[in-house]
Amino acid sequence: MGDVFNNSGYPFVDVGSGGDVDGLIRFCEQTLNAIDEDTIVIPGHGPVTNYETLGNYVAMVRTVRDRIQAMIDQGLSLDDISAAKPTADFDPIYGPEAASLGFVNRVYTDLSRKQQR
């Protein structure tokens, strides 16, 4: 799975090098469609895992993306969105709030750029 799937925390969306959150979701969904519940999944970071864990990861990324997009649509700034803690319910699984701030920043940066186009 390379760096697209981080089984040890929040993903790093490499917006500066052309990466985007929708591409990350799309790649992981395509992978899920190509494998089954018995497939061993080898992430770019973290322990070897399974179909279910990858599915949960995709659901988390999609949920956080949708939350941040809704807040962008309301005109909120990155600071406002970070303060709203859009990852709070996922922090016990993917890392402490401090770790989520980089993820929120990258998703915000990606979605904001798309909205400006």
PDB file of N, CA and C in Angstrom:
ATOM      1  N   MET A   1       0.816  -1.200   0.000  1.00  0.00           N
ATOM      2  CA  MET A   1       0.000   0.000   0.000  1.00  0.00           C
ATOM      3  C   MET A   1       0.858   1.263   0.000  1.00  0.00           C
ATOM      4  N   GLY A   2       2.115   1.127   0.333  1.00  0.00           N
ATOM      5  CA  GLY A   2       2.966   2.307   0.355  1.00  0.00           C
ATOM      6  C   GLY A   2       2.474   3.334   1.354  1.00  0.00           C
ATOM      7  N   ASP A   3       2.836   4.569   1.147  1.00  0.00           N
ATOM      8  CA  ASP A   3       2.489   5.629   2.082  1.00  0.00           C
ATOM      9  C   ASP A   3       1.021   6.028   2.041  1.00  0.00           C
ATOM     10  N   VAL A   4       0.250   5.455   1.143  1.00  0.00           N
ATOM     11  CA  VAL A   4      -1.171   5.798   1.054  1.00  0.00           C
ATOM     12  C   VAL A   4      -1.932   5.281   2.274  1.00  0.00           C
ATOM     13  N   PHE A   5      -1.503   4.164   2.815  1.00  0.00           N
ATOM     14  CA  PHE A   5      -2.172   3.592   3.980  1.00  0.00           C
ATOM     15  C   PHE A   5      -1.225   3.583   5.156  1.00  0.00           C
ATOM     16  N   ASN A   6      -1.547   4.391   6.166  1.00  0.00           N
ATOM     17  CA  ASN A   6      -0.760   4.487   7.388  1.00  0.00           C
ATOM     18  C   ASN A   6      -1.557   3.810   8.496  1.00  0.00           C
ATOM     19  N   ASN A   7      -1.132   2.647   8.907  1.00  0.00           N
ATOM     20  CA  ASN A   7      -1.824   1.910   9.951  1.00  0.00           C
ATOM     21  C   ASN A   7      -1.271   2.230  11.338  1.00  0.00           C
ATOM     22  N   SER A   8      -0.586   3.345  11.449  1.00  0.00           N
ATOM     23  CA  SER A   8      -0.045   3.737  12.752  1.00  0.00           C
ATOM     24  C   SER A   8      -0.438   5.162  13.117  1.00  0.00           C
ATOM     25  N   GLY A   9      -1.351   5.751  12.363  1.00  0.00           N
ATOM     26  CA  GLY A   9      -1.767   7.118  12.653  1.00  0.00           C
ATOM     27  C   GLY A   9      -2.512   7.729  11.487  1.00  0.00           C
ATOM     28  N   TYR A  10      -2.656   9.036  11.542  1.00  0.00           N
ATOM     29  CA  TYR A  10      -3.334   9.742  10.458  1.00  0.00           C
ATOM     30  C   TYR A  10      -2.456   9.760   9.205  1.00  0.00           C
ATOM     31  N   PRO A  11      -3.071   9.805   8.041  1.00  0.00           N
ATOM     32  CA  PRO A  11      -2.281   9.850   6.810  1.00  0.00           C
ATOM     33  C   PRO A  11      -1.633  11.206   6.605  1.00  0.00           C
ATOM     34  N   PHE A  12      -0.573  11.206   5.833  1.00  0.00           N
ATOM     35  CA  PHE A  12       0.035  12.446   5.368  1.00  0.00           C
ATOM     36  C   PHE A  12      -0.369  12.617   3.911  1.00  0.00           C
ATOM     37  N   VAL A  13      -1.176  13.615   3.651  1.00  0.00           N
ATOM     38  CA  VAL A  13      -1.612  13.907   2.284  1.00  0.00           C
ATOM     39  C   VAL A  13      -0.581  14.881   1.718  1.00  0.00           C
ATOM     40  N   ASP A  14       0.235  14.419   0.786  1.00  0.00           N
ATOM     41  CA  ASP A  14       1.355  15.206   0.276  1.00  0.00           C
ATOM     42  C   ASP A  14       0.875  16.195  -0.792  1.00  0.00           C
ATOM     43  N   VAL A  15       0.158  17.203  -0.323  1.00  0.00           N
ATOM     44  CA  VAL A  15      -0.428  18.204  -1.203  1.00  0.00           C
ATOM     45  C   VAL A  15       0.655  18.954  -1.974  1.00  0.00           C
ATOM     46  N   GLY A  16       1.790  19.188  -1.344  1.00  0.00           N
ATOM     47  CA  GLY A  16       2.873  19.925  -1.979  1.00  0.00           C
ATOM     48  C   GLY A  16       3.469  19.214  -3.181  1.00  0.00           C
ATOM     49  N   SER A  17       3.285  17.909  -3.266  1.00  0.00           N
ATOM     50  CA  SER A  17       3.819  17.132  -4.386  1.00  0.00           C
ATOM     51  C   SER A  17       2.713  16.606  -5.299  1.00  0.00           C
ATOM     52  N   GLY A  18       1.527  17.198  -5.204  1.00  0.00           N
ATOM     53  CA  GLY A  18       0.439  16.818  -6.094  1.00  0.00           C
ATOM     54  C   GLY A  18      -0.534  15.807  -5.539  1.00  0.00           C
ATOM     55  N   GLY A  19      -0.316  15.356  -4.308  1.00  0.00           N
ATOM     56  CA  GLY A  19      -1.248  14.414  -3.703  1.00  0.00           C
ATOM     57  C   GLY A  19      -2.532  15.118  -3.289  1.00  0.00           C
ATOM     58  N   ASP A  20      -3.598  14.353  -3.190  1.00  0.00           N
ATOM     59  CA  ASP A  20      -4.850  14.920  -2.703  1.00  0.00           C
ATOM     60  C   ASP A  20      -5.656  13.872  -1.962  1.00  0.00           C
ATOM     61  N   VAL A  21      -6.520  14.355  -1.089  1.00  0.00           N
ATOM     62  CA  VAL A  21      -7.282  13.456  -0.223  1.00  0.00           C
ATOM     63  C   VAL A  21      -8.232  12.579  -1.043  1.00  0.00           C
ATOM     64  N   ASP A  22      -8.806  13.117  -2.106  1.00  0.00           N
ATOM     65  CA  ASP A  22      -9.708  12.307  -2.920  1.00  0.00           C
ATOM     66  C   ASP A  22      -8.964  11.179  -3.623  1.00  0.00           C
ATOM     67  N   GLY A  23      -7.737  11.438  -4.045  1.00  0.00           N
ATOM     68  CA  GLY A  23      -6.921  10.395  -4.663  1.00  0.00           C
ATOM     69  C   GLY A  23      -6.568   9.300  -3.663  1.00  0.00           C
ATOM     70  N   LEU A  24      -6.281   9.700  -2.423  1.00  0.00           N
ATOM     71  CA  LEU A  24      -5.991   8.728  -1.377  1.00  0.00           C
ATOM     72  C   LEU A  24      -7.206   7.833  -1.151  1.00  0.00           C
ATOM     73  N   ILE A  25      -8.376   8.450  -1.038  1.00  0.00           N
ATOM     74  CA  ILE A  25      -9.613   7.683  -0.842  1.00  0.00           C
ATOM     75  C   ILE A  25      -9.866   6.762  -2.031  1.00  0.00           C
ATOM     76  N   ARG A  26      -9.743   7.299  -3.217  1.00  0.00           N
ATOM     77  CA  ARG A  26     -10.007   6.517  -4.427  1.00  0.00           C
ATOM     78  C   ARG A  26      -9.088   5.304  -4.523  1.00  0.00           C
ATOM     79  N   PHE A  27      -7.799   5.489  -4.261  1.00  0.00           N
ATOM     80  CA  PHE A  27      -6.840   4.383  -4.317  1.00  0.00           C
ATOM     81  C   PHE A  27      -7.201   3.301  -3.293  1.00  0.00           C
ATOM     82  N   CYS A  28      -7.506   3.721  -2.069  1.00  0.00           N
ATOM     83  CA  CYS A  28      -7.849   2.736  -1.035  1.00  0.00           C
ATOM     84  C   CYS A  28      -9.157   2.027  -1.357  1.00  0.00           C
ATOM     85  N   GLU A  29     -10.129   2.739  -1.896  1.00  0.00           N
ATOM     86  CA  GLU A  29     -11.394   2.095  -2.284  1.00  0.00           C
ATOM     87  C   GLU A  29     -11.170   1.090  -3.413  1.00  0.00           C
ATOM     88  N   GLN A  30     -10.330   1.443  -4.383  1.00  0.00           N
ATOM     89  CA  GLN A  30     -10.020   0.515  -5.471  1.00  0.00           C
ATOM     90  C   GLN A  30      -9.331  -0.734  -4.926  1.00  0.00           C
ATOM     91  N   THR A  31      -8.459  -0.541  -3.950  1.00  0.00           N
ATOM     92  CA  THR A  31      -7.794  -1.676  -3.326  1.00  0.00           C
ATOM     93  C   THR A  31      -8.817  -2.563  -2.624  1.00  0.00           C
ATOM     94  N   LEU A  32      -9.724  -1.956  -1.868  1.00  0.00           N
ATOM     95  CA  LEU A  32     -10.767  -2.735  -1.190  1.00  0.00           C
ATOM     96  C   LEU A  32     -11.605  -3.529  -2.182  1.00  0.00           C
ATOM     97  N   ASN A  33     -11.892  -2.936  -3.331  1.00  0.00           N
ATOM     98  CA  ASN A  33     -12.678  -3.625  -4.356  1.00  0.00           C
ATOM     99  C   ASN A  33     -11.927  -4.785  -4.998  1.00  0.00           C
ATOM    100  N   ALA A  34     -10.597  -4.751  -4.925  1.00  0.00           N
ATOM    101  CA  ALA A  34      -9.784  -5.786  -5.565  1.00  0.00           C
ATOM    102  C   ALA A  34      -9.403  -6.927  -4.615  1.00  0.00           C
ATOM    103  N   ILE A  35      -9.657  -6.742  -3.314  1.00  0.00           N
ATOM    104  CA  ILE A  35      -9.286  -7.765  -2.344  1.00  0.00           C
ATOM    105  C   ILE A  35     -10.539  -8.286  -1.638  1.00  0.00           C
ATOM    106  N   ASP A  36     -10.354  -9.212  -0.715  1.00  0.00           N
ATOM    107  CA  ASP A  36     -11.499  -9.699   0.064  1.00  0.00           C
ATOM    108  C   ASP A  36     -11.129  -9.743   1.550  1.00  0.00           C
ATOM    109  N   GLU A  37     -12.070 -10.197   2.361  1.00  0.00           N
ATOM    110  CA  GLU A  37     -11.904 -10.203   3.809  1.00  0.00           C
ATOM    111  C   GLU A  37     -10.747 -11.080   4.300  1.00  0.00           C
ATOM    112  N   ASP A  38     -10.257 -11.970   3.471  1.00  0.00           N
ATOM    113  CA  ASP A  38      -9.155 -12.851   3.862  1.00  0.00           C
ATOM    114  C   ASP A  38      -7.783 -12.326   3.443  1.00  0.00           C
ATOM    115  N   THR A  39      -7.747 -11.198   2.763  1.00  0.00           N
ATOM    116  CA  THR A  39      -6.490 -10.644   2.257  1.00  0.00           C
ATOM    117  C   THR A  39      -5.683 -10.011   3.383  1.00  0.00           C
ATOM    118  N   ILE A  40      -4.389 -10.259   3.386  1.00  0.00           N
ATOM    119  CA  ILE A  40      -3.471  -9.593   4.297  1.00  0.00           C
ATOM    120  C   ILE A  40      -3.098  -8.262   3.660  1.00  0.00           C
ATOM    121  N   VAL A  41      -3.213  -7.194   4.422  1.00  0.00           N
ATOM    122  CA  VAL A  41      -2.930  -5.847   3.915  1.00  0.00           C
ATOM    123  C   VAL A  41      -1.646  -5.344   4.568  1.00  0.00           C
ATOM    124  N   ILE A  42      -0.701  -4.946   3.736  1.00  0.00           N
ATOM    125  CA  ILE A  42       0.584  -4.452   4.222  1.00  0.00           C
ATOM    126  C   ILE A  42       0.626  -2.939   4.019  1.00  0.00           C
ATOM    127  N   PRO A  43       0.508  -2.186   5.116  1.00  0.00           N
ATOM    128  CA  PRO A  43       0.504  -0.728   5.002  1.00  0.00           C
ATOM    129  C   PRO A  43       1.909  -0.176   4.789  1.00  0.00           C
ATOM    130  N   GLY A  44       1.973   1.069   4.397  1.00  0.00           N
ATOM    131  CA  GLY A  44       3.262   1.745   4.278  1.00  0.00           C
ATOM    132  C   GLY A  44       3.888   2.005   5.635  1.00  0.00           C
ATOM    133  N   HIS A  45       3.036   2.178   6.641  1.00  0.00           N
ATOM    134  CA  HIS A  45       3.490   2.416   8.015  1.00  0.00           C
ATOM    135  C   HIS A  45       2.571   1.667   8.955  1.00  0.00           C
ATOM    136  N   GLY A  46       3.134   1.074   9.978  1.00  0.00           N
ATOM    137  CA  GLY A  46       2.338   0.360  10.969  1.00  0.00           C
ATOM    138  C   GLY A  46       2.303  -1.131  10.720  1.00  0.00           C
ATOM    139  N   PRO A  47       1.627  -1.835  11.608  1.00  0.00           N
ATOM    140  CA  PRO A  47       1.606  -3.292  11.524  1.00  0.00           C
ATOM    141  C   PRO A  47       0.765  -3.821  10.357  1.00  0.00           C
ATOM    142  N   VAL A  48       1.130  -5.002   9.906  1.00  0.00           N
ATOM    143  CA  VAL A  48       0.356  -5.710   8.883  1.00  0.00           C
ATOM    144  C   VAL A  48      -1.060  -5.867   9.423  1.00  0.00           C
ATOM    145  N   THR A  49      -2.048  -5.755   8.542  1.00  0.00           N
ATOM    146  CA  THR A  49      -3.433  -5.752   8.995  1.00  0.00           C
ATOM    147  C   THR A  49      -4.351  -6.457   8.008  1.00  0.00           C
ATOM    148  N   ASN A  50      -5.587  -6.014   7.935  1.00  0.00           N
ATOM    149  CA  ASN A  50      -6.578  -6.733   7.147  1.00  0.00           C
ATOM    150  C   ASN A  50      -7.549  -5.791   6.426  1.00  0.00           C
ATOM    151  N   TYR A  51      -8.452  -6.389   5.719  1.00  0.00           N
ATOM    152  CA  TYR A  51      -9.479  -5.701   4.933  1.00  0.00           C
ATOM    153  C   TYR A  51     -10.298  -4.749   5.798  1.00  0.00           C
ATOM    154  N   GLU A  52     -10.737  -5.242   6.949  1.00  0.00           N
ATOM    155  CA  GLU A  52     -11.594  -4.438   7.816  1.00  0.00           C
ATOM    156  C   GLU A  52     -10.900  -3.158   8.281  1.00  0.00           C
ATOM    157  N   THR A  53      -9.637  -3.270   8.669  1.00  0.00           N
ATOM    158  CA  THR A  53      -8.893  -2.106   9.129  1.00  0.00           C
ATOM    159  C   THR A  53      -8.716  -1.096   8.010  1.00  0.00           C
ATOM    160  N   LEU A  54      -8.421  -1.561   6.807  1.00  0.00           N
ATOM    161  CA  LEU A  54      -8.318  -0.654   5.664  1.00  0.00           C
ATOM    162  C   LEU A  54      -9.667   0.012   5.399  1.00  0.00           C
ATOM    163  N   GLY A  55     -10.748  -0.740   5.489  1.00  0.00           N
ATOM    164  CA  GLY A  55     -12.082  -0.165   5.293  1.00  0.00           C
ATOM    165  C   GLY A  55     -12.392   0.910   6.324  1.00  0.00           C
ATOM    166  N   ASN A  56     -12.022   0.670   7.564  1.00  0.00           N
ATOM    167  CA  ASN A  56     -12.228   1.670   8.615  1.00  0.00           C
ATOM    168  C   ASN A  56     -11.407   2.925   8.358  1.00  0.00           C
ATOM    169  N   TYR A  57     -10.201   2.748   7.860  1.00  0.00           N
ATOM    170  CA  TYR A  57      -9.317   3.872   7.524  1.00  0.00           C
ATOM    171  C   TYR A  57      -9.943   4.731   6.430  1.00  0.00           C
ATOM    172  N   VAL A  58     -10.448   4.086   5.399  1.00  0.00           N
ATOM    173  CA  VAL A  58     -11.092   4.819   4.303  1.00  0.00           C
ATOM    174  C   VAL A  58     -12.302   5.585   4.830  1.00  0.00           C
ATOM    175  N   ALA A  59     -13.097   4.957   5.673  1.00  0.00           N
ATOM    176  CA  ALA A  59     -14.275   5.619   6.234  1.00  0.00           C
ATOM    177  C   ALA A  59     -13.864   6.834   7.068  1.00  0.00           C
ATOM    178  N   MET A  60     -12.779   6.713   7.837  1.00  0.00           N
ATOM    179  CA  MET A  60     -12.294   7.835   8.635  1.00  0.00           C
ATOM    180  C   MET A  60     -11.861   8.983   7.744  1.00  0.00           C
ATOM    181  N   VAL A  61     -11.053   8.693   6.725  1.00  0.00           N
ATOM    182  CA  VAL A  61     -10.556   9.758   5.840  1.00  0.00           C
ATOM    183  C   VAL A  61     -11.734  10.444   5.147  1.00  0.00           C
ATOM    184  N   ARG A  62     -12.675   9.663   4.656  1.00  0.00           N
ATOM    185  CA  ARG A  62     -13.841  10.221   3.976  1.00  0.00           C
ATOM    186  C   ARG A  62     -14.665  11.102   4.928  1.00  0.00           C
ATOM    187  N   THR A  63     -14.864  10.634   6.140  1.00  0.00           N
ATOM    188  CA  THR A  63     -15.638  11.391   7.127  1.00  0.00           C
ATOM    189  C   THR A  63     -14.968  12.709   7.470  1.00  0.00           C
ATOM    190  N   VAL A  64     -13.670  12.674   7.730  1.00  0.00           N
ATOM    191  CA  VAL A  64     -12.938  13.900   8.063  1.00  0.00           C
ATOM    192  C   VAL A  64     -12.941  14.851   6.872  1.00  0.00           C
ATOM    193  N   ARG A  65     -12.729  14.322   5.675  1.00  0.00           N
ATOM    194  CA  ARG A  65     -12.790  15.172   4.471  1.00  0.00           C
ATOM    195  C   ARG A  65     -14.144  15.865   4.380  1.00  0.00           C
ATOM    196  N   ASP A  66     -15.210  15.124   4.563  1.00  0.00           N
ATOM    197  CA  ASP A  66     -16.555  15.703   4.453  1.00  0.00           C
ATOM    198  C   ASP A  66     -16.807  16.751   5.525  1.00  0.00           C
ATOM    199  N   ARG A  67     -16.345  16.500   6.727  1.00  0.00           N
ATOM    200  CA  ARG A  67     -16.508  17.482   7.812  1.00  0.00           C
ATOM    201  C   ARG A  67     -15.769  18.772   7.485  1.00  0.00           C
ATOM    202  N   ILE A  68     -14.524  18.635   7.040  1.00  0.00           N
ATOM    203  CA  ILE A  68     -13.727  19.827   6.734  1.00  0.00           C
ATOM    204  C   ILE A  68     -14.326  20.573   5.544  1.00  0.00           C
ATOM    205  N   GLN A  69     -14.786  19.858   4.530  1.00  0.00           N
ATOM    206  CA  GLN A  69     -15.403  20.521   3.381  1.00  0.00           C
ATOM    207  C   GLN A  69     -16.641  21.306   3.814  1.00  0.00           C
ATOM    208  N   ALA A  70     -17.445  20.734   4.683  1.00  0.00           N
ATOM    209  CA  ALA A  70     -18.643  21.431   5.162  1.00  0.00           C
ATOM    210  C   ALA A  70     -18.262  22.718   5.897  1.00  0.00           C
ATOM    211  N   MET A  71     -17.194  22.679   6.672  1.00  0.00           N
ATOM    212  CA  MET A  71     -16.762  23.871   7.398  1.00  0.00           C
ATOM    213  C   MET A  71     -16.162  24.911   6.456  1.00  0.00           C
ATOM    214  N   ILE A  72     -15.442  24.463   5.432  1.00  0.00           N
ATOM    215  CA  ILE A  72     -14.936  25.387   4.414  1.00  0.00           C
ATOM    216  C   ILE A  72     -16.111  26.065   3.727  1.00  0.00           C
ATOM    217  N   ASP A  73     -17.134  25.285   3.405  1.00  0.00           N
ATOM    218  CA  ASP A  73     -18.328  25.836   2.748  1.00  0.00           C
ATOM    219  C   ASP A  73     -19.027  26.873   3.622  1.00  0.00           C
ATOM    220  N   GLN A  74     -18.859  26.759   4.940  1.00  0.00           N
ATOM    221  CA  GLN A  74     -19.431  27.739   5.865  1.00  0.00           C
ATOM    222  C   GLN A  74     -18.542  28.974   6.016  1.00  0.00           C
ATOM    223  N   GLY A  75     -17.372  28.944   5.369  1.00  0.00           N
ATOM    224  CA  GLY A  75     -16.466  30.078   5.425  1.00  0.00           C
ATOM    225  C   GLY A  75     -15.501  30.068   6.594  1.00  0.00           C
ATOM    226  N   LEU A  76     -15.358  28.929   7.262  1.00  0.00           N
ATOM    227  CA  LEU A  76     -14.454  28.866   8.405  1.00  0.00           C
ATOM    228  C   LEU A  76     -12.997  28.813   7.952  1.00  0.00           C
ATOM    229  N   SER A  77     -12.129  29.395   8.756  1.00  0.00           N
ATOM    230  CA  SER A  77     -10.688  29.395   8.481  1.00  0.00           C
ATOM    231  C   SER A  77     -10.080  28.086   8.982  1.00  0.00           C
ATOM    232  N   LEU A  78      -8.819  27.877   8.632  1.00  0.00           N
ATOM    233  CA  LEU A  78      -8.099  26.702   9.138  1.00  0.00           C
ATOM    234  C   LEU A  78      -8.060  26.706  10.664  1.00  0.00           C
ATOM    235  N   ASP A  79      -7.820  27.864  11.256  1.00  0.00           N
ATOM    236  CA  ASP A  79      -7.789  27.941  12.721  1.00  0.00           C
ATOM    237  C   ASP A  79      -9.138  27.551  13.323  1.00  0.00           C
ATOM    238  N   ASP A  80     -10.223  28.043  12.718  1.00  0.00           N
ATOM    239  CA  ASP A  80     -11.567  27.706  13.199  1.00  0.00           C
ATOM    240  C   ASP A  80     -11.829  26.202  13.072  1.00  0.00           C
ATOM    241  N   ILE A  81     -11.434  25.644  11.942  1.00  0.00           N
ATOM    242  CA  ILE A  81     -11.649  24.218  11.694  1.00  0.00           C
ATOM    243  C   ILE A  81     -10.818  23.376  12.658  1.00  0.00           C
ATOM    244  N   SER A  82      -9.579  23.751  12.866  1.00  0.00           N
ATOM    245  CA  SER A  82      -8.732  23.028  13.821  1.00  0.00           C
ATOM    246  C   SER A  82      -9.328  23.082  15.222  1.00  0.00           C
ATOM    247  N   ALA A  83      -9.842  24.244  15.604  1.00  0.00           N
ATOM    248  CA  ALA A  83     -10.453  24.401  16.926  1.00  0.00           C
ATOM    249  C   ALA A  83     -11.723  23.564  17.071  1.00  0.00           C
ATOM    250  N   ALA A  84     -12.401  23.297  15.958  1.00  0.00           N
ATOM    251  CA  ALA A  84     -13.623  22.481  15.978  1.00  0.00           C
ATOM    252  C   ALA A  84     -13.320  20.995  16.165  1.00  0.00           C
ATOM    253  N   LYS A  85     -12.063  20.622  16.037  1.00  0.00           N
ATOM    254  CA  LYS A  85     -11.599  19.248  16.251  1.00  0.00           C
ATOM    255  C   LYS A  85     -12.362  18.217  15.406  1.00  0.00           C
ATOM    256  N   PRO A  86     -12.240  18.325  14.089  1.00  0.00           N
ATOM    257  CA  PRO A  86     -12.991  17.414  13.217  1.00  0.00           C
ATOM    258  C   PRO A  86     -12.538  15.959  13.271  1.00  0.00           C
ATOM    259  N   THR A  87     -11.453  15.693  13.967  1.00  0.00           N
ATOM    260  CA  THR A  87     -10.964  14.308  14.094  1.00  0.00           C
ATOM    261  C   THR A  87     -11.150  13.748  15.498  1.00  0.00           C
ATOM    262  N   ALA A  88     -11.765  14.490  16.392  1.00  0.00           N
ATOM    263  CA  ALA A  88     -11.793  14.130  17.816  1.00  0.00           C
ATOM    264  C   ALA A  88     -12.253  12.698  18.073  1.00  0.00           C
ATOM    265  N   ASP A  89     -13.285  12.249  17.373  1.00  0.00           N
ATOM    266  CA  ASP A  89     -13.787  10.895  17.631  1.00  0.00           C
ATOM    267  C   ASP A  89     -12.869   9.812  17.077  1.00  0.00           C
ATOM    268  N   PHE A  90     -11.923  10.199  16.217  1.00  0.00           N
ATOM    269  CA  PHE A  90     -10.966   9.243  15.660  1.00  0.00           C
ATOM    270  C   PHE A  90      -9.623   9.260  16.387  1.00  0.00           C
ATOM    271  N   ASP A  91      -9.392  10.280  17.204  1.00  0.00           N
ATOM    272  CA  ASP A  91      -8.095  10.421  17.876  1.00  0.00           C
ATOM    273  C   ASP A  91      -7.720   9.208  18.732  1.00  0.00           C
ATOM    274  N   PRO A  92      -8.659   8.566  19.427  1.00  0.00           N
ATOM    275  CA  PRO A  92      -8.259   7.383  20.206  1.00  0.00           C
ATOM    276  C   PRO A  92      -7.687   6.252  19.342  1.00  0.00           C
ATOM    277  N   ILE A  93      -8.042   6.209  18.074  1.00  0.00           N
ATOM    278  CA  ILE A  93      -7.571   5.153  17.175  1.00  0.00           C
ATOM    279  C   ILE A  93      -6.326   5.582  16.409  1.00  0.00           C
ATOM    280  N   TYR A  94      -6.336   6.824  15.872  1.00  0.00           N
ATOM    281  CA  TYR A  94      -5.287   7.252  14.942  1.00  0.00           C
ATOM    282  C   TYR A  94      -4.240   8.170  15.558  1.00  0.00           C
ATOM    283  N   GLY A  95      -4.415   8.547  16.782  1.00  0.00           N
ATOM    284  CA  GLY A  95      -3.387   9.353  17.419  1.00  0.00           C
ATOM    285  C   GLY A  95      -3.954  10.527  18.179  1.00  0.00           C
ATOM    286  N   PRO A  96      -3.125  11.149  18.977  1.00  0.00           N
ATOM    287  CA  PRO A  96      -3.581  12.291  19.779  1.00  0.00           C
ATOM    288  C   PRO A  96      -3.919  13.484  18.900  1.00  0.00           C
ATOM    289  N   GLU A  97      -4.634  14.415  19.496  1.00  0.00           N
ATOM    290  CA  GLU A  97      -5.054  15.614  18.773  1.00  0.00           C
ATOM    291  C   GLU A  97      -3.879  16.290  18.069  1.00  0.00           C
ATOM    292  N   ALA A  98      -2.723  16.340  18.712  1.00  0.00           N
ATOM    293  CA  ALA A  98      -1.564  16.990  18.092  1.00  0.00           C
ATOM    294  C   ALA A  98      -1.214  16.334  16.763  1.00  0.00           C
ATOM    295  N   ALA A  99      -1.349  15.018  16.683  1.00  0.00           N
ATOM    296  CA  ALA A  99      -1.053  14.311  15.434  1.00  0.00           C
ATOM    297  C   ALA A  99      -2.103  14.608  14.369  1.00  0.00           C
ATOM    298  N   SER A 100      -3.322  14.854  14.804  1.00  0.00           N
ATOM    299  CA  SER A 100      -4.388  15.101  13.834  1.00  0.00           C
ATOM    300  C   SER A 100      -4.273  16.468  13.180  1.00  0.00           C
ATOM    301  N   LEU A 101      -3.597  17.421  13.821  1.00  0.00           N
ATOM    302  CA  LEU A 101      -3.544  18.783  13.288  1.00  0.00           C
ATOM    303  C   LEU A 101      -2.857  18.838  11.928  1.00  0.00           C
ATOM    304  N   GLY A 102      -1.819  18.044  11.714  1.00  0.00           N
ATOM    305  CA  GLY A 102      -1.166  17.995  10.406  1.00  0.00           C
ATOM    306  C   GLY A 102      -2.096  17.442   9.348  1.00  0.00           C
ATOM    307  N   PHE A 103      -2.864  16.427   9.698  1.00  0.00           N
ATOM    308  CA  PHE A 103      -3.838  15.847   8.775  1.00  0.00           C
ATOM    309  C   PHE A 103      -4.916  16.867   8.427  1.00  0.00           C
ATOM    310  N   VAL A 104      -5.441  17.538   9.423  1.00  0.00           N
ATOM    311  CA  VAL A 104      -6.463  18.564   9.189  1.00  0.00           C
ATOM    312  C   VAL A 104      -5.901  19.659   8.287  1.00  0.00           C
ATOM    313  N   ASN A 105      -4.686  20.083   8.548  1.00  0.00           N
ATOM    314  CA  ASN A 105      -4.042  21.111   7.732  1.00  0.00           C
ATOM    315  C   ASN A 105      -3.928  20.674   6.274  1.00  0.00           C
ATOM    316  N   ARG A 106      -3.471  19.457   6.031  1.00  0.00           N
ATOM    317  CA  ARG A 106      -3.289  18.967   4.655  1.00  0.00           C
ATOM    318  C   ARG A 106      -4.630  18.827   3.935  1.00  0.00           C
ATOM    319  N   VAL A 107      -5.647  18.327   4.625  1.00  0.00           N
ATOM    320  CA  VAL A 107      -6.972  18.192   3.999  1.00  0.00           C
ATOM    321  C   VAL A 107      -7.538  19.573   3.709  1.00  0.00           C
ATOM    322  N   TYR A 108      -7.419  20.479   4.654  1.00  0.00           N
ATOM    323  CA  TYR A 108      -7.894  21.849   4.440  1.00  0.00           C
ATOM    324  C   TYR A 108      -7.183  22.497   3.251  1.00  0.00           C
ATOM    325  N   THR A 109      -5.865  22.360   3.207  1.00  0.00           N
ATOM    326  CA  THR A 109      -5.082  22.947   2.113  1.00  0.00           C
ATOM    327  C   THR A 109      -5.534  22.384   0.774  1.00  0.00           C
ATOM    328  N   ASP A 110      -5.702  21.085   0.700  1.00  0.00           N
ATOM    329  CA  ASP A 110      -6.145  20.435  -0.538  1.00  0.00           C
ATOM    330  C   ASP A 110      -7.524  20.923  -0.951  1.00  0.00           C
ATOM    331  N   LEU A 111      -8.479  20.875  -0.043  1.00  0.00           N
ATOM    332  CA  LEU A 111      -9.855  21.236  -0.399  1.00  0.00           C
ATOM    333  C   LEU A 111      -9.991  22.721  -0.711  1.00  0.00           C
ATOM    334  N   SER A 112      -9.251  23.550  -0.013  1.00  0.00           N
ATOM    335  CA  SER A 112      -9.282  25.003  -0.272  1.00  0.00           C
ATOM    336  C   SER A 112      -8.758  25.317  -1.669  1.00  0.00           C
ATOM    337  N   ARG A 113      -7.697  24.651  -2.067  1.00  0.00           N
ATOM    338  CA  ARG A 113      -7.137  24.854  -3.413  1.00  0.00           C
ATOM    339  C   ARG A 113      -8.138  24.432  -4.485  1.00  0.00           C
ATOM    340  N   LYS A 114      -8.816  23.320  -4.256  1.00  0.00           N
ATOM    341  CA  LYS A 114      -9.799  22.845  -5.232  1.00  0.00           C
ATOM    342  C   LYS A 114     -10.949  23.822  -5.363  1.00  0.00           C
ATOM    343  N   GLN A 115     -11.345  24.426  -4.257  1.00  0.00           N
ATOM    344  CA  GLN A 115     -12.452  25.362  -4.276  1.00  0.00           C
ATOM    345  C   GLN A 115     -12.084  26.640  -5.022  1.00  0.00           C
ATOM    346  N   GLN A 116     -10.811  27.001  -5.018  1.00  0.00           N
ATOM    347  CA  GLN A 116     -10.365  28.217  -5.685  1.00  0.00           C
ATOM    348  C   GLN A 116     -10.274  28.069  -7.187  1.00  0.00           C
ATOM    349  N   ARG A 117     -10.263  26.836  -7.668  1.00  0.00           N
ATOM    350  CA  ARG A 117     -10.101  26.612  -9.115  1.00  0.00           C
ATOM    351  C   ARG A 117     -11.350  26.936  -9.866  1.00  0.00           C
TER     352      ARG A 117
END
